[in-house]
């Protein structure tokens, strides 16, 4: 091989080596991580909205236009009566309690007039029972619906054709009758009524046919 040919071959080899050194290596392709549909999704980043229950807002309001009342949260099922009541009486008692706990003044008004108008609920001027009890609850702060629910779970007394709650409303009521009322009114007020043997708090009466006759307080 002559000298000129050898020199050309060396120059060509040198150029190829320089070209390969400047070429960036191609990185291997990433293998995607498989997603398991059963795994827990990653936690949401701070500041991102949550479409779940955390931001769902308040629970629905009580019945009758969202009006709250003193009976809200009490049990909608009264305690079993002893001795057992006639079916019509117990049915009315249970429906009164359920409507009061639901703060459903309209349902209470319907029960009051179910067998004809005539429910005694006030010794004052005549007005609609639903308006009267709503006014007592919301304007005067009187827990009339809570008291109604509670007395209908207390012992009752029989007066003629009427089943009356609580038993403290009967003549010659006992200390036990008044003890059952603890928490319904202030202790001083209950003690004064017991001394006078005259219960003047809220009382309710239902006839044997299930007609709601009165739910009234006072003398």
C-alpha atoms as a PDB file:
ATOM      1  CA  UNK A   1       0.000   0.000   0.000  1.00  0.00           C
ATOM      2  CA  UNK A   2       1.384   3.366  -0.938  1.00  0.00           C
ATOM      3  CA  UNK A   3       1.757   6.127   1.613  1.00  0.00           C
ATOM      4  CA  UNK A   4      -1.042   8.336   0.244  1.00  0.00           C
ATOM      5  CA  UNK A   5      -3.614   5.580   0.430  1.00  0.00           C
ATOM      6  CA  UNK A   6      -2.627   4.704   4.023  1.00  0.00           C
ATOM      7  CA  UNK A   7      -2.964   8.346   5.124  1.00  0.00           C
ATOM      8  CA  UNK A   8      -6.482   8.605   3.649  1.00  0.00           C
ATOM      9  CA  UNK A   9      -7.634   5.485   5.481  1.00  0.00           C
ATOM     10  CA  UNK A  10      -6.413   6.848   8.854  1.00  0.00           C
ATOM     11  CA  UNK A  11      -8.202  10.167   8.349  1.00  0.00           C
ATOM     12  CA  UNK A  12     -11.489   8.371   7.544  1.00  0.00           C
ATOM     13  CA  UNK A  13     -11.267   6.160  10.619  1.00  0.00           C
ATOM     14  CA  UNK A  14     -10.603   9.157  12.852  1.00  0.00           C
ATOM     15  CA  UNK A  15     -13.697  11.018  11.533  1.00  0.00           C
ATOM     16  CA  UNK A  16     -15.999   8.044  12.133  1.00  0.00           C
ATOM     17  CA  UNK A  17     -14.778   7.696  15.731  1.00  0.00           C
ATOM     18  CA  UNK A  18     -15.477  11.377  16.458  1.00  0.00           C
ATOM     19  CA  UNK A  19     -18.988  11.162  14.997  1.00  0.00           C
ATOM     20  CA  UNK A  20     -19.975   8.177  17.167  1.00  0.00           C
ATOM     21  CA  UNK A  21     -18.680   9.832  20.380  1.00  0.00           C
ATOM     22  CA  UNK A  22     -20.891  12.902  19.869  1.00  0.00           C
ATOM     23  CA  UNK A  23     -24.131  10.878  19.307  1.00  0.00           C
ATOM     24  CA  UNK A  24     -26.311  10.728  22.547  1.00  0.00           C
ATOM     25  CA  UNK A  25     -27.274   7.217  23.548  1.00  0.00           C
ATOM     26  CA  UNK A  26     -30.978   6.402  23.062  1.00  0.00           C
ATOM     27  CA  UNK A  27     -32.604   5.685  26.521  1.00  0.00           C
ATOM     28  CA  UNK A  28     -34.621   2.499  26.866  1.00  0.00           C
ATOM     29  CA  UNK A  29     -38.399   2.925  26.523  1.00  0.00           C
ATOM     30  CA  UNK A  30     -40.270   3.169  29.855  1.00  0.00           C
ATOM     31  CA  UNK A  31     -42.400   0.239  30.729  1.00  0.00           C
ATOM     32  CA  UNK A  32     -45.864   1.537  31.890  1.00  0.00           C
ATOM     33  CA  UNK A  33     -46.842   0.560  35.392  1.00  0.00           C
ATOM     34  CA  UNK A  34     -49.956  -1.612  35.321  1.00  0.00           C
ATOM     35  CA  UNK A  35     -53.031  -0.145  37.052  1.00  0.00           C
ATOM     36  CA  UNK A  36     -55.000  -2.419  39.312  1.00  0.00           C
ATOM     37  CA  UNK A  37     -58.703  -1.414  39.300  1.00  0.00           C
ATOM     38  CA  UNK A  38     -59.043  -2.828  42.765  1.00  0.00           C
ATOM     39  CA  UNK A  39     -56.338  -0.741  44.392  1.00  0.00           C
ATOM     40  CA  UNK A  40     -56.978   2.424  46.357  1.00  0.00           C
ATOM     41  CA  UNK A  41     -56.626   5.540  44.184  1.00  0.00           C
ATOM     42  CA  UNK A  42     -53.903   7.995  45.179  1.00  0.00           C
ATOM     43  CA  UNK A  43     -54.771  10.643  47.717  1.00  0.00           C
ATOM     44  CA  UNK A  44     -55.971  13.896  46.230  1.00  0.00           C
ATOM     45  CA  UNK A  45     -53.502  16.757  46.238  1.00  0.00           C
ATOM     46  CA  UNK A  46     -53.998  19.613  48.646  1.00  0.00           C
ATOM     47  CA  UNK A  47     -56.312  22.267  47.279  1.00  0.00           C
ATOM     48  CA  UNK A  48     -58.073  19.989  44.813  1.00  0.00           C
ATOM     49  CA  UNK A  49     -61.892  19.758  45.140  1.00  0.00           C
ATOM     50  CA  UNK A  50     -63.389  16.531  46.479  1.00  0.00           C
ATOM     51  CA  UNK A  51     -66.497  15.355  44.690  1.00  0.00           C
ATOM     52  CA  UNK A  52     -67.337  12.957  47.500  1.00  0.00           C
ATOM     53  CA  UNK A  53     -69.299  13.228  50.763  1.00  0.00           C
ATOM     54  CA  UNK A  54     -66.759  15.472  52.460  1.00  0.00           C
ATOM     55  CA  UNK A  55     -68.096  18.506  50.584  1.00  0.00           C
ATOM     56  CA  UNK A  56     -71.686  17.310  50.220  1.00  0.00           C
ATOM     57  CA  UNK A  57     -73.075  20.016  52.494  1.00  0.00           C
ATOM     58  CA  UNK A  58     -75.520  19.732  55.419  1.00  0.00           C
ATOM     59  CA  UNK A  59     -78.013  16.935  55.783  1.00  0.00           C
ATOM     60  CA  UNK A  60     -81.613  17.581  54.761  1.00  0.00           C
ATOM     61  CA  UNK A  61     -83.650  19.627  57.201  1.00  0.00           C
ATOM     62  CA  UNK A  62     -86.606  18.209  59.159  1.00  0.00           C
ATOM     63  CA  UNK A  63     -90.019  17.922  57.594  1.00  0.00           C
ATOM     64  CA  UNK A  64     -92.537  20.722  57.159  1.00  0.00           C
ATOM     65  CA  UNK A  65     -90.307  23.127  55.297  1.00  0.00           C
ATOM     66  CA  UNK A  66     -87.155  22.417  57.259  1.00  0.00           C
ATOM     67  CA  UNK A  67     -88.535  23.713  60.562  1.00  0.00           C
ATOM     68  CA  UNK A  68     -86.701  22.451  63.634  1.00  0.00           C
ATOM     69  CA  UNK A  69     -88.449  21.909  66.962  1.00  0.00           C
ATOM     70  CA  UNK A  70     -87.815  20.781  70.515  1.00  0.00           C
ATOM     71  CA  UNK A  71     -88.800  17.159  69.771  1.00  0.00           C
ATOM     72  CA  UNK A  72     -86.195  16.743  67.054  1.00  0.00           C
ATOM     73  CA  UNK A  73     -83.852  13.870  67.945  1.00  0.00           C
ATOM     74  CA  UNK A  74     -86.230  12.129  70.351  1.00  0.00           C
ATOM     75  CA  UNK A  75     -87.351   8.565  69.695  1.00  0.00           C
ATOM     76  CA  UNK A  76     -90.255   8.390  67.217  1.00  0.00           C
ATOM     77  CA  UNK A  77     -91.529   5.262  68.986  1.00  0.00           C
ATOM     78  CA  UNK A  78     -93.149   5.700  72.421  1.00  0.00           C
ATOM     79  CA  UNK A  79     -92.498   3.249  75.232  1.00  0.00           C
ATOM     80  CA  UNK A  80     -94.931   0.337  75.469  1.00  0.00           C
ATOM     81  CA  UNK A  81     -97.974   1.278  77.538  1.00  0.00           C
ATOM     82  CA  UNK A  82     -98.847  -0.658  80.679  1.00  0.00           C
ATOM     83  CA  UNK A  83    -101.481  -1.930  80.759  1.00  0.00           C
ATOM     84  CA  UNK A  84    -101.696  -2.242  76.946  1.00  0.00           C
ATOM     85  CA  UNK A  85    -103.900   0.282  75.172  1.00  0.00           C
ATOM     86  CA  UNK A  86    -106.749  -0.480  72.754  1.00  0.00           C
ATOM     87  CA  UNK A  87    -105.374  -0.592  69.175  1.00  0.00           C
ATOM     88  CA  UNK A  88    -107.098   2.636  68.081  1.00  0.00           C
ATOM     89  CA  UNK A  89    -105.719   4.540  71.077  1.00  0.00           C
ATOM     90  CA  UNK A  90    -102.194   3.213  70.666  1.00  0.00           C
ATOM     91  CA  UNK A  91    -102.236   3.934  66.934  1.00  0.00           C
ATOM     92  CA  UNK A  92    -103.143   7.574  67.513  1.00  0.00           C
ATOM     93  CA  UNK A  93    -100.558   7.881  70.286  1.00  0.00           C
ATOM     94  CA  UNK A  94     -97.804   6.501  68.033  1.00  0.00           C
ATOM     95  CA  UNK A  95     -98.730   8.731  65.119  1.00  0.00           C
ATOM     96  CA  UNK A  96     -98.752  11.826  67.325  1.00  0.00           C
ATOM     97  CA  UNK A  97     -95.268  11.000  68.589  1.00  0.00           C
ATOM     98  CA  UNK A  98     -93.910  10.311  65.086  1.00  0.00           C
ATOM     99  CA  UNK A  99     -95.299  13.588  63.732  1.00  0.00           C
ATOM    100  CA  UNK A 100     -93.953  15.606  66.676  1.00  0.00           C
ATOM    101  CA  UNK A 101     -90.457  14.104  66.403  1.00  0.00           C
ATOM    102  CA  UNK A 102     -90.499  14.928  62.674  1.00  0.00           C
ATOM    103  CA  UNK A 103     -91.458  18.537  63.584  1.00  0.00           C
ATOM    104  CA  UNK A 104     -94.376  18.104  61.187  1.00  0.00           C
ATOM    105  CA  UNK A 105     -96.953  20.633  62.382  1.00  0.00           C
ATOM    106  CA  UNK A 106     -99.190  19.931  59.398  1.00  0.00           C
ATOM    107  CA  UNK A 107     -99.362  16.225  60.259  1.00  0.00           C
ATOM    108  CA  UNK A 108    -100.196  17.062  63.877  1.00  0.00           C
ATOM    109  CA  UNK A 109    -103.006  19.324  62.681  1.00  0.00           C
ATOM    110  CA  UNK A 110    -104.352  16.533  60.481  1.00  0.00           C
ATOM    111  CA  UNK A 111    -104.327  14.100  63.409  1.00  0.00           C
ATOM    112  CA  UNK A 112    -106.115  16.657  65.583  1.00  0.00           C
ATOM    113  CA  UNK A 113    -108.960  16.868  63.046  1.00  0.00           C
ATOM    114  CA  UNK A 114    -108.925  13.249  61.904  1.00  0.00           C
ATOM    115  CA  UNK A 115    -112.242  12.445  63.576  1.00  0.00           C
ATOM    116  CA  UNK A 116    -113.651  15.964  63.486  1.00  0.00           C
ATOM    117  CA  UNK A 117    -112.530  19.305  64.816  1.00  0.00           C
ATOM    118  CA  UNK A 118    -112.538  19.797  68.545  1.00  0.00           C
ATOM    119  CA  UNK A 119    -108.990  19.267  69.885  1.00  0.00           C
ATOM    120  CA  UNK A 120    -108.492  21.422  72.956  1.00  0.00           C
ATOM    121  CA  UNK A 121    -104.962  22.833  72.853  1.00  0.00           C
ATOM    122  CA  UNK A 122    -105.312  26.257  74.473  1.00  0.00           C
ATOM    123  CA  UNK A 123    -107.384  28.150  76.997  1.00  0.00           C
ATOM    124  CA  UNK A 124    -106.747  31.373  75.097  1.00  0.00           C
ATOM    125  CA  UNK A 125    -108.306  32.787  71.924  1.00  0.00           C
ATOM    126  CA  UNK A 126    -109.267  30.273  69.270  1.00  0.00           C
ATOM    127  CA  UNK A 127    -106.657  29.720  66.581  1.00  0.00           C
ATOM    128  CA  UNK A 128    -105.276  26.941  64.432  1.00  0.00           C
ATOM    129  CA  UNK A 129    -103.375  24.303  66.430  1.00  0.00           C
ATOM    130  CA  UNK A 130    -100.482  24.228  63.978  1.00  0.00           C
ATOM    131  CA  UNK A 131    -100.061  28.005  64.210  1.00  0.00           C
ATOM    132  CA  UNK A 132    -100.386  27.962  68.002  1.00  0.00           C
ATOM    133  CA  UNK A 133     -97.765  25.246  68.578  1.00  0.00           C
ATOM    134  CA  UNK A 134     -95.378  26.742  66.037  1.00  0.00           C
ATOM    135  CA  UNK A 135     -95.697  30.088  67.818  1.00  0.00           C
ATOM    136  CA  UNK A 136     -95.121  28.450  71.215  1.00  0.00           C
ATOM    137  CA  UNK A 137     -91.988  26.706  69.938  1.00  0.00           C
ATOM    138  CA  UNK A 138     -90.408  29.400  67.783  1.00  0.00           C
ATOM    139  CA  UNK A 139     -91.503  32.660  69.394  1.00  0.00           C
ATOM    140  CA  UNK A 140     -91.888  31.764  73.054  1.00  0.00           C
ATOM    141  CA  UNK A 141     -89.302  28.976  73.330  1.00  0.00           C
ATOM    142  CA  UNK A 142     -91.787  26.564  74.880  1.00  0.00           C
ATOM    143  CA  UNK A 143     -90.780  22.928  74.160  1.00  0.00           C
ATOM    144  CA  UNK A 144     -94.395  21.859  73.702  1.00  0.00           C
ATOM    145  CA  UNK A 145     -93.632  19.146  71.135  1.00  0.00           C
ATOM    146  CA  UNK A 146     -90.868  17.603  73.238  1.00  0.00           C
ATOM    147  CA  UNK A 147     -93.190  17.537  76.237  1.00  0.00           C
ATOM    148  CA  UNK A 148     -95.944  15.993  74.134  1.00  0.00           C
ATOM    149  CA  UNK A 149     -93.618  13.205  73.010  1.00  0.00           C
ATOM    150  CA  UNK A 150     -92.347  12.564  76.523  1.00  0.00           C
ATOM    151  CA  UNK A 151     -95.703  12.454  78.323  1.00  0.00           C
ATOM    152  CA  UNK A 152     -97.064   9.945  75.786  1.00  0.00           C
ATOM    153  CA  UNK A 153     -94.388   7.507  76.977  1.00  0.00           C
ATOM    154  CA  UNK A 154     -95.304   7.983  80.648  1.00  0.00           C
ATOM    155  CA  UNK A 155     -97.903   6.010  82.642  1.00  0.00           C
ATOM    156  CA  UNK A 156    -101.472   6.995  81.770  1.00  0.00           C
ATOM    157  CA  UNK A 157    -104.746   7.124  83.658  1.00  0.00           C
ATOM    158  CA  UNK A 158    -108.297   6.303  82.590  1.00  0.00           C
ATOM    159  CA  UNK A 159    -110.990   8.959  83.082  1.00  0.00           C
ATOM    160  CA  UNK A 160    -114.327   7.766  81.796  1.00  0.00           C
ATOM    161  CA  UNK A 161    -113.878   7.108  78.083  1.00  0.00           C
ATOM    162  CA  UNK A 162    -110.611   8.996  77.957  1.00  0.00           C
ATOM    163  CA  UNK A 163    -107.051   7.678  78.158  1.00  0.00           C
ATOM    164  CA  UNK A 164    -105.063  10.530  79.678  1.00  0.00           C
ATOM    165  CA  UNK A 165    -101.310  11.197  79.948  1.00  0.00           C
ATOM    166  CA  UNK A 166     -99.574  11.599  82.339  1.00  0.00           C
ATOM    167  CA  UNK A 167    -100.992   9.708  85.296  1.00  0.00           C
ATOM    168  CA  UNK A 168    -100.101  12.675  87.533  1.00  0.00           C
ATOM    169  CA  UNK A 169    -103.202  14.392  86.136  1.00  0.00           C
ATOM    170  CA  UNK A 170    -105.519  12.046  88.056  1.00  0.00           C
ATOM    171  CA  UNK A 171    -107.040  12.765  91.449  1.00  0.00           C
ATOM    172  CA  UNK A 172    -104.921  11.693  94.390  1.00  0.00           C
ATOM    173  CA  UNK A 173    -101.826  11.328  92.217  1.00  0.00           C
ATOM    174  CA  UNK A 174     -98.986   9.591  94.030  1.00  0.00           C
ATOM    175  CA  UNK A 175     -95.393  10.626  94.582  1.00  0.00           C
ATOM    176  CA  UNK A 176     -94.472   8.020  91.969  1.00  0.00           C
ATOM    177  CA  UNK A 177     -96.747   9.722  89.427  1.00  0.00           C
ATOM    178  CA  UNK A 178     -94.903  13.006  89.965  1.00  0.00           C
ATOM    179  CA  UNK A 179     -91.474  11.369  90.064  1.00  0.00           C
ATOM    180  CA  UNK A 180     -92.084  10.151  86.497  1.00  0.00           C
ATOM    181  CA  UNK A 181     -92.265  13.798  85.393  1.00  0.00           C
ATOM    182  CA  UNK A 182     -88.695  14.660  86.399  1.00  0.00           C
ATOM    183  CA  UNK A 183     -86.986  16.619  83.637  1.00  0.00           C
ATOM    184  CA  UNK A 184     -90.261  17.594  82.004  1.00  0.00           C
ATOM    185  CA  UNK A 185     -90.504  20.807  84.074  1.00  0.00           C
ATOM    186  CA  UNK A 186     -88.158  22.457  86.604  1.00  0.00           C
ATOM    187  CA  UNK A 187     -87.971  20.595  89.914  1.00  0.00           C
ATOM    188  CA  UNK A 188     -89.372  23.571  91.845  1.00  0.00           C
ATOM    189  CA  UNK A 189     -92.419  23.699  89.601  1.00  0.00           C
ATOM    190  CA  UNK A 190     -93.057  19.966  89.913  1.00  0.00           C
ATOM    191  CA  UNK A 191     -92.666  20.127  93.679  1.00  0.00           C
ATOM    192  CA  UNK A 192     -95.197  22.950  93.899  1.00  0.00           C
ATOM    193  CA  UNK A 193     -97.705  20.970  91.798  1.00  0.00           C
ATOM    194  CA  UNK A 194     -97.129  17.887  93.929  1.00  0.00           C
ATOM    195  CA  UNK A 195     -97.792  19.838  97.144  1.00  0.00           C
ATOM    196  CA  UNK A 196    -101.057  21.071  95.670  1.00  0.00           C
ATOM    197  CA  UNK A 197    -101.826  17.617  94.216  1.00  0.00           C
ATOM    198  CA  UNK A 198    -102.701  19.446  91.030  1.00  0.00           C
ATOM    199  CA  UNK A 199    -100.762  18.759  87.835  1.00  0.00           C
ATOM    200  CA  UNK A 200    -101.094  21.809  85.591  1.00  0.00           C
ATOM    201  CA  UNK A 201     -98.527  20.842  82.953  1.00  0.00           C
ATOM    202  CA  UNK A 202     -99.160  19.509  79.470  1.00  0.00           C
ATOM    203  CA  UNK A 203    -101.595  16.595  79.342  1.00  0.00           C
ATOM    204  CA  UNK A 204    -103.075  14.716  76.415  1.00  0.00           C
ATOM    205  CA  UNK A 205    -106.189  12.571  76.040  1.00  0.00           C
ATOM    206  CA  UNK A 206    -107.424  10.108  73.415  1.00  0.00           C
ATOM    207  CA  UNK A 207    -110.813   8.386  73.340  1.00  0.00           C
ATOM    208  CA  UNK A 208    -111.211   4.628  73.048  1.00  0.00           C
ATOM    209  CA  UNK A 209    -112.001   5.078  69.355  1.00  0.00           C
ATOM    210  CA  UNK A 210    -108.728   6.919  68.717  1.00  0.00           C
ATOM    211  CA  UNK A 211    -110.072  10.473  68.704  1.00  0.00           C
ATOM    212  CA  UNK A 212    -107.472  12.940  69.992  1.00  0.00           C
ATOM    213  CA  UNK A 213    -109.392  15.150  72.428  1.00  0.00           C
ATOM    214  CA  UNK A 214    -106.900  17.491  74.041  1.00  0.00           C
ATOM    215  CA  UNK A 215    -103.251  18.427  74.514  1.00  0.00           C
ATOM    216  CA  UNK A 216    -103.313  21.416  76.810  1.00  0.00           C
ATOM    217  CA  UNK A 217    -101.477  23.038  79.705  1.00  0.00           C
ATOM    218  CA  UNK A 218    -102.699  25.292  82.502  1.00  0.00           C
ATOM    219  CA  UNK A 219    -105.599  25.457  84.923  1.00  0.00           C
END
